[in-house]
Amino acid sequence: MYGRGSPRIISDINFCGNSTNISSAAIFIGGPHMNLCSSLVQNIMPVSFEDSSFTIDDDLTYSGQCQGIIFLSPSHNLPTFIAVVAGTDSCGLREAIKSIPNRSGEEVPDYLGVSNLYSSLGSG
């Protein structure tokens, strides 16, 4: 990543209990089953998670292998939105991680669902 500033990587265990770690934005890697911080804010997330699926706004469900998502969510105790990057499995998480913008200032949608076809077919 490049742009304004440099990201700090902090484990979820060290980050969640210390709100002074954040001054602007945060990216949580993994849904509530994988990331302690995601599990603490899952009740206000616009995306709900099950074992091998996720649902956007109680309307659109993605399930199966190699499904990933990146989305913005409010947070209880942070001064800004958080970005959550998650997948139904490691393949889906990897595809979602590849979708994180490389620089600050890039426009991104509120939700971006990806699969293993995303990198070969592109968005559309």
N, C-alpha and C. Protein backbone atom coordinates (compact mmCIF):
# COMPACT_ATOMS: atom_id res chain seq x y z
N MET A 1 0.84 -1.18 0.00
CA MET A 1 0.00 0.00 0.00
C MET A 1 0.88 1.24 0.00
N TYR A 2 0.45 2.24 -0.69
CA TYR A 2 1.18 3.48 -0.68
C TYR A 2 0.20 4.63 -0.78
N GLY A 3 0.64 5.80 -0.47
CA GLY A 3 -0.22 6.98 -0.44
C GLY A 3 0.13 7.80 0.77
N ARG A 4 -0.88 8.34 1.42
CA ARG A 4 -0.67 9.17 2.60
C ARG A 4 -0.54 8.28 3.83
N GLY A 5 0.64 8.17 4.35
CA GLY A 5 0.87 7.40 5.56
C GLY A 5 1.21 5.95 5.28
N SER A 6 1.51 5.24 6.31
CA SER A 6 1.86 3.83 6.22
C SER A 6 0.98 3.05 7.18
N PRO A 7 0.46 1.92 6.75
CA PRO A 7 -0.38 1.14 7.66
C PRO A 7 0.45 0.43 8.73
N ARG A 8 -0.13 0.32 9.91
CA ARG A 8 0.46 -0.47 10.98
C ARG A 8 -0.33 -1.76 11.08
N ILE A 9 0.33 -2.86 11.19
CA ILE A 9 -0.35 -4.15 11.33
C ILE A 9 -0.31 -4.54 12.79
N ILE A 10 -1.51 -4.74 13.36
CA ILE A 10 -1.65 -5.06 14.78
C ILE A 10 -2.56 -6.27 14.87
N SER A 11 -2.21 -7.25 15.68
CA SER A 11 -3.07 -8.42 15.84
C SER A 11 -4.40 -8.01 16.48
N ASP A 12 -5.44 -8.76 16.17
CA ASP A 12 -6.76 -8.44 16.71
C ASP A 12 -6.76 -8.47 18.24
N ILE A 13 -6.03 -9.38 18.83
CA ILE A 13 -5.99 -9.48 20.30
C ILE A 13 -5.38 -8.22 20.91
N ASN A 14 -4.33 -7.68 20.30
CA ASN A 14 -3.70 -6.47 20.83
C ASN A 14 -4.48 -5.21 20.50
N PHE A 15 -5.24 -5.21 19.42
CA PHE A 15 -5.93 -4.01 18.97
C PHE A 15 -7.25 -3.76 19.67
N CYS A 16 -8.06 -4.79 19.83
CA CYS A 16 -9.46 -4.62 20.25
C CYS A 16 -9.63 -3.95 21.60
N GLY A 17 -8.78 -4.21 22.54
CA GLY A 17 -8.94 -3.64 23.86
C GLY A 17 -8.36 -2.25 24.01
N ASN A 18 -7.78 -1.70 22.94
CA ASN A 18 -7.06 -0.43 23.05
C ASN A 18 -7.48 0.51 21.94
N SER A 19 -8.51 1.33 22.18
CA SER A 19 -9.01 2.23 21.14
C SER A 19 -8.02 3.35 20.81
N THR A 20 -6.96 3.52 21.59
CA THR A 20 -5.96 4.53 21.26
C THR A 20 -5.08 4.08 20.10
N ASN A 21 -5.22 2.82 19.67
CA ASN A 21 -4.45 2.33 18.52
C ASN A 21 -4.89 2.99 17.22
N ILE A 22 -6.06 3.57 17.20
CA ILE A 22 -6.61 4.05 15.95
C ILE A 22 -6.67 5.56 15.92
N SER A 23 -6.21 6.15 14.83
CA SER A 23 -6.33 7.59 14.68
C SER A 23 -7.13 7.94 13.43
N SER A 24 -7.24 7.02 12.50
CA SER A 24 -8.03 7.33 11.31
C SER A 24 -8.88 6.14 10.88
N ALA A 25 -8.34 5.18 10.17
CA ALA A 25 -9.13 4.09 9.63
C ALA A 25 -8.53 2.75 10.04
N ALA A 26 -9.38 1.71 10.01
CA ALA A 26 -8.91 0.37 10.35
C ALA A 26 -9.46 -0.62 9.33
N ILE A 27 -8.69 -1.64 9.07
CA ILE A 27 -9.13 -2.75 8.22
C ILE A 27 -9.07 -4.00 9.08
N PHE A 28 -10.21 -4.67 9.23
CA PHE A 28 -10.26 -5.92 9.97
C PHE A 28 -10.19 -7.06 8.97
N ILE A 29 -9.21 -7.91 9.11
CA ILE A 29 -9.04 -9.06 8.22
C ILE A 29 -9.71 -10.26 8.88
N GLY A 30 -10.76 -10.75 8.25
CA GLY A 30 -11.51 -11.89 8.76
C GLY A 30 -12.82 -11.48 9.38
N GLY A 31 -13.81 -12.33 9.20
CA GLY A 31 -15.13 -12.10 9.77
C GLY A 31 -15.15 -12.46 11.25
N PRO A 32 -16.33 -12.45 11.86
CA PRO A 32 -16.46 -12.70 13.30
C PRO A 32 -15.94 -14.06 13.77
N HIS A 33 -15.89 -15.04 12.89
CA HIS A 33 -15.38 -16.36 13.28
C HIS A 33 -13.86 -16.39 13.34
N MET A 34 -13.20 -15.41 12.69
CA MET A 34 -11.74 -15.41 12.61
C MET A 34 -11.08 -14.26 13.36
N ASN A 35 -11.80 -13.16 13.54
CA ASN A 35 -11.19 -11.94 14.05
C ASN A 35 -11.96 -11.46 15.27
N LEU A 36 -11.28 -11.31 16.38
CA LEU A 36 -11.91 -10.88 17.62
C LEU A 36 -12.58 -9.51 17.46
N CYS A 37 -11.92 -8.58 16.79
CA CYS A 37 -12.48 -7.25 16.60
C CYS A 37 -13.77 -7.30 15.78
N SER A 38 -13.79 -8.10 14.72
CA SER A 38 -15.00 -8.26 13.91
C SER A 38 -16.13 -8.84 14.75
N SER A 39 -15.81 -9.78 15.63
CA SER A 39 -16.85 -10.39 16.45
C SER A 39 -17.45 -9.38 17.43
N LEU A 40 -16.67 -8.41 17.88
CA LEU A 40 -17.16 -7.42 18.83
C LEU A 40 -18.11 -6.41 18.19
N VAL A 41 -18.03 -6.21 16.87
CA VAL A 41 -18.92 -5.25 16.19
C VAL A 41 -19.90 -5.94 15.24
N GLN A 42 -20.00 -7.26 15.29
CA GLN A 42 -20.84 -7.96 14.32
C GLN A 42 -22.31 -7.56 14.42
N ASN A 43 -22.79 -7.13 15.59
CA ASN A 43 -24.20 -6.76 15.71
C ASN A 43 -24.55 -5.45 15.01
N ILE A 44 -23.55 -4.63 14.63
CA ILE A 44 -23.86 -3.41 13.88
C ILE A 44 -23.34 -3.46 12.44
N MET A 45 -22.76 -4.58 12.05
CA MET A 45 -22.27 -4.74 10.67
C MET A 45 -23.45 -4.89 9.71
N PRO A 46 -23.36 -4.34 8.51
CA PRO A 46 -24.41 -4.53 7.51
C PRO A 46 -24.34 -5.91 6.85
N VAL A 47 -23.34 -6.70 7.19
CA VAL A 47 -23.16 -8.05 6.65
C VAL A 47 -23.19 -9.02 7.82
N SER A 48 -23.97 -10.10 7.68
CA SER A 48 -23.99 -11.13 8.72
C SER A 48 -23.27 -12.37 8.19
N PHE A 49 -22.67 -13.11 9.09
CA PHE A 49 -21.84 -14.25 8.72
C PHE A 49 -22.36 -15.53 9.34
N GLU A 50 -22.32 -16.60 8.57
CA GLU A 50 -22.54 -17.96 9.05
C GLU A 50 -21.26 -18.74 8.77
N ASP A 51 -21.26 -20.04 9.02
CA ASP A 51 -20.03 -20.83 8.86
C ASP A 51 -19.42 -20.73 7.47
N SER A 52 -20.19 -20.89 6.42
CA SER A 52 -19.62 -20.84 5.06
C SER A 52 -20.43 -19.93 4.15
N SER A 53 -20.97 -18.84 4.71
CA SER A 53 -21.72 -17.88 3.91
C SER A 53 -21.74 -16.53 4.59
N PHE A 54 -22.10 -15.51 3.83
CA PHE A 54 -22.35 -14.19 4.39
C PHE A 54 -23.51 -13.58 3.65
N THR A 55 -24.26 -12.70 4.32
CA THR A 55 -25.47 -12.09 3.78
C THR A 55 -25.36 -10.59 3.94
N ILE A 56 -25.65 -9.86 2.86
CA ILE A 56 -25.60 -8.40 2.84
C ILE A 56 -27.01 -7.87 3.11
N ASP A 57 -27.16 -7.04 4.12
CA ASP A 57 -28.42 -6.38 4.48
C ASP A 57 -29.61 -7.34 4.52
N ASP A 58 -29.41 -8.55 5.03
CA ASP A 58 -30.48 -9.56 5.15
C ASP A 58 -31.16 -9.85 3.81
N ASP A 59 -30.45 -9.63 2.70
CA ASP A 59 -31.09 -9.75 1.40
C ASP A 59 -30.32 -10.66 0.43
N LEU A 60 -29.04 -10.45 0.27
CA LEU A 60 -28.25 -11.14 -0.74
C LEU A 60 -27.23 -12.04 -0.05
N THR A 61 -27.33 -13.35 -0.27
CA THR A 61 -26.46 -14.30 0.40
C THR A 61 -25.44 -14.88 -0.57
N TYR A 62 -24.19 -14.91 -0.13
CA TYR A 62 -23.10 -15.56 -0.86
C TYR A 62 -22.70 -16.78 -0.05
N SER A 63 -22.65 -17.93 -0.70
CA SER A 63 -22.25 -19.14 0.01
C SER A 63 -21.40 -20.00 -0.90
N GLY A 64 -20.76 -20.98 -0.30
CA GLY A 64 -19.92 -21.88 -1.08
C GLY A 64 -18.46 -21.53 -0.97
N GLN A 65 -17.68 -22.22 -1.74
CA GLN A 65 -16.24 -22.05 -1.69
C GLN A 65 -15.79 -20.80 -2.43
N CYS A 66 -14.72 -20.22 -1.93
CA CYS A 66 -14.00 -19.12 -2.57
C CYS A 66 -14.86 -17.87 -2.80
N GLN A 67 -15.69 -17.53 -1.84
CA GLN A 67 -16.48 -16.30 -1.87
C GLN A 67 -15.87 -15.32 -0.88
N GLY A 68 -15.65 -14.10 -1.31
CA GLY A 68 -15.05 -13.10 -0.43
C GLY A 68 -15.82 -11.80 -0.47
N ILE A 69 -15.57 -10.96 0.51
CA ILE A 69 -16.24 -9.65 0.56
C ILE A 69 -15.33 -8.64 1.24
N ILE A 70 -15.45 -7.40 0.79
CA ILE A 70 -14.85 -6.26 1.48
C ILE A 70 -15.96 -5.23 1.59
N PHE A 71 -16.15 -4.67 2.79
CA PHE A 71 -17.24 -3.71 2.98
C PHE A 71 -16.89 -2.74 4.10
N LEU A 72 -17.62 -1.64 4.12
CA LEU A 72 -17.48 -0.63 5.16
C LEU A 72 -18.53 -0.86 6.23
N SER A 73 -18.16 -0.60 7.47
CA SER A 73 -19.07 -0.80 8.59
C SER A 73 -18.84 0.28 9.64
N PRO A 74 -19.91 0.71 10.32
CA PRO A 74 -19.70 1.61 11.46
C PRO A 74 -19.04 0.84 12.60
N SER A 75 -18.56 1.56 13.57
CA SER A 75 -17.92 0.93 14.73
C SER A 75 -18.42 1.61 15.99
N HIS A 76 -18.47 0.86 17.09
CA HIS A 76 -18.93 1.41 18.37
C HIS A 76 -18.01 2.50 18.89
N ASN A 77 -16.72 2.23 18.92
CA ASN A 77 -15.82 3.11 19.67
C ASN A 77 -14.68 3.68 18.84
N LEU A 78 -14.78 3.61 17.52
CA LEU A 78 -13.74 4.19 16.68
C LEU A 78 -14.29 5.45 16.02
N PRO A 79 -13.43 6.42 15.73
CA PRO A 79 -13.90 7.69 15.18
C PRO A 79 -14.24 7.63 13.69
N THR A 80 -14.18 6.48 13.08
CA THR A 80 -14.40 6.38 11.65
C THR A 80 -15.01 5.03 11.32
N PHE A 81 -15.33 4.83 10.06
CA PHE A 81 -15.78 3.52 9.61
C PHE A 81 -14.61 2.55 9.59
N ILE A 82 -14.94 1.28 9.61
CA ILE A 82 -13.92 0.26 9.45
C ILE A 82 -14.18 -0.47 8.14
N ALA A 83 -13.15 -0.98 7.55
CA ALA A 83 -13.29 -1.87 6.39
C ALA A 83 -13.10 -3.28 6.90
N VAL A 84 -13.99 -4.17 6.49
CA VAL A 84 -13.90 -5.56 6.88
C VAL A 84 -13.63 -6.38 5.62
N VAL A 85 -12.64 -7.24 5.69
CA VAL A 85 -12.27 -8.10 4.57
C VAL A 85 -12.43 -9.53 5.07
N ALA A 86 -13.29 -10.30 4.40
CA ALA A 86 -13.58 -11.65 4.91
C ALA A 86 -13.88 -12.58 3.74
N GLY A 87 -13.92 -13.86 4.04
CA GLY A 87 -14.24 -14.86 3.02
C GLY A 87 -14.89 -16.08 3.64
N THR A 88 -15.53 -16.89 2.79
CA THR A 88 -16.14 -18.12 3.27
C THR A 88 -15.08 -19.18 3.57
N ASP A 89 -13.89 -19.00 3.02
CA ASP A 89 -12.76 -19.89 3.26
C ASP A 89 -11.48 -19.12 2.94
N SER A 90 -10.34 -19.77 3.00
CA SER A 90 -9.07 -19.07 2.76
C SER A 90 -8.97 -18.55 1.33
N CYS A 91 -9.53 -19.26 0.38
CA CYS A 91 -9.53 -18.80 -1.02
C CYS A 91 -10.33 -17.51 -1.15
N GLY A 92 -11.52 -17.45 -0.56
CA GLY A 92 -12.35 -16.25 -0.61
C GLY A 92 -11.69 -15.08 0.10
N LEU A 93 -11.06 -15.34 1.23
CA LEU A 93 -10.36 -14.29 1.95
C LEU A 93 -9.20 -13.75 1.11
N ARG A 94 -8.47 -14.63 0.45
CA ARG A 94 -7.35 -14.21 -0.40
C ARG A 94 -7.85 -13.31 -1.54
N GLU A 95 -8.95 -13.68 -2.19
CA GLU A 95 -9.51 -12.86 -3.27
C GLU A 95 -9.96 -11.50 -2.75
N ALA A 96 -10.56 -11.47 -1.56
CA ALA A 96 -10.99 -10.20 -0.98
C ALA A 96 -9.80 -9.32 -0.62
N ILE A 97 -8.76 -9.91 -0.07
CA ILE A 97 -7.56 -9.14 0.27
C ILE A 97 -6.95 -8.50 -0.97
N LYS A 98 -6.97 -9.21 -2.09
CA LYS A 98 -6.43 -8.65 -3.33
C LYS A 98 -7.24 -7.45 -3.81
N SER A 99 -8.46 -7.28 -3.28
CA SER A 99 -9.34 -6.18 -3.69
C SER A 99 -9.16 -4.92 -2.86
N ILE A 100 -8.35 -4.97 -1.81
CA ILE A 100 -8.09 -3.78 -1.00
C ILE A 100 -7.35 -2.77 -1.87
N PRO A 101 -7.82 -1.51 -1.91
CA PRO A 101 -7.13 -0.50 -2.73
C PRO A 101 -5.67 -0.36 -2.32
N ASN A 102 -4.82 -0.13 -3.31
CA ASN A 102 -3.39 0.00 -3.07
C ASN A 102 -2.96 1.37 -2.60
N ARG A 103 -3.81 2.35 -2.76
CA ARG A 103 -3.43 3.71 -2.35
C ARG A 103 -4.63 4.42 -1.76
N SER A 104 -4.36 5.42 -0.96
CA SER A 104 -5.44 6.20 -0.36
C SER A 104 -6.08 7.08 -1.43
N GLY A 105 -7.32 7.44 -1.20
CA GLY A 105 -8.03 8.32 -2.12
C GLY A 105 -8.76 7.62 -3.24
N GLU A 106 -8.61 6.30 -3.38
CA GLU A 106 -9.34 5.57 -4.41
C GLU A 106 -10.78 5.37 -3.97
N GLU A 107 -11.71 5.55 -4.91
CA GLU A 107 -13.11 5.30 -4.59
C GLU A 107 -13.37 3.81 -4.59
N VAL A 108 -14.14 3.37 -3.62
CA VAL A 108 -14.51 1.97 -3.53
C VAL A 108 -16.01 1.88 -3.22
N PRO A 109 -16.66 0.81 -3.65
CA PRO A 109 -18.08 0.65 -3.32
C PRO A 109 -18.25 0.30 -1.85
N ASP A 110 -19.47 0.44 -1.36
CA ASP A 110 -19.76 0.06 0.03
C ASP A 110 -19.56 -1.43 0.25
N TYR A 111 -19.87 -2.23 -0.77
CA TYR A 111 -19.70 -3.69 -0.72
C TYR A 111 -19.02 -4.14 -2.01
N LEU A 112 -18.13 -5.10 -1.88
CA LEU A 112 -17.53 -5.71 -3.05
C LEU A 112 -17.43 -7.21 -2.79
N GLY A 113 -18.27 -7.98 -3.47
CA GLY A 113 -18.22 -9.43 -3.36
C GLY A 113 -17.33 -9.98 -4.46
N VAL A 114 -16.49 -10.94 -4.12
CA VAL A 114 -15.55 -11.51 -5.08
C VAL A 114 -15.56 -13.03 -4.97
N SER A 115 -15.05 -13.67 -6.01
CA SER A 115 -14.85 -15.12 -6.00
C SER A 115 -13.57 -15.41 -6.76
N ASN A 116 -13.28 -16.69 -6.94
CA ASN A 116 -12.06 -17.04 -7.68
C ASN A 116 -12.15 -16.64 -9.14
N LEU A 117 -13.33 -16.32 -9.65
CA LEU A 117 -13.47 -15.84 -11.03
C LEU A 117 -13.21 -14.35 -11.16
N TYR A 118 -13.20 -13.64 -10.04
CA TYR A 118 -13.07 -12.19 -10.06
C TYR A 118 -11.78 -11.73 -10.73
N SER A 119 -10.67 -12.35 -10.41
CA SER A 119 -9.39 -11.91 -10.97
C SER A 119 -9.28 -12.20 -12.46
N SER A 120 -9.96 -13.22 -12.96
CA SER A 120 -9.86 -13.52 -14.39
C SER A 120 -10.93 -12.80 -15.22
N LEU A 121 -12.11 -12.54 -14.63
CA LEU A 121 -13.18 -11.89 -15.37
C LEU A 121 -13.30 -10.40 -15.10
N GLY A 122 -12.79 -9.95 -13.95
CA GLY A 122 -12.88 -8.54 -13.59
C GLY A 122 -14.23 -8.20 -13.00
N SER A 123 -14.45 -6.92 -12.71
CA SER A 123 -15.72 -6.50 -12.13
C SER A 123 -16.70 -6.16 -13.23
N GLY A 124 -17.95 -6.15 -12.87
CA GLY A 124 -18.96 -5.79 -13.87
C GLY A 124 -20.33 -6.22 -13.46
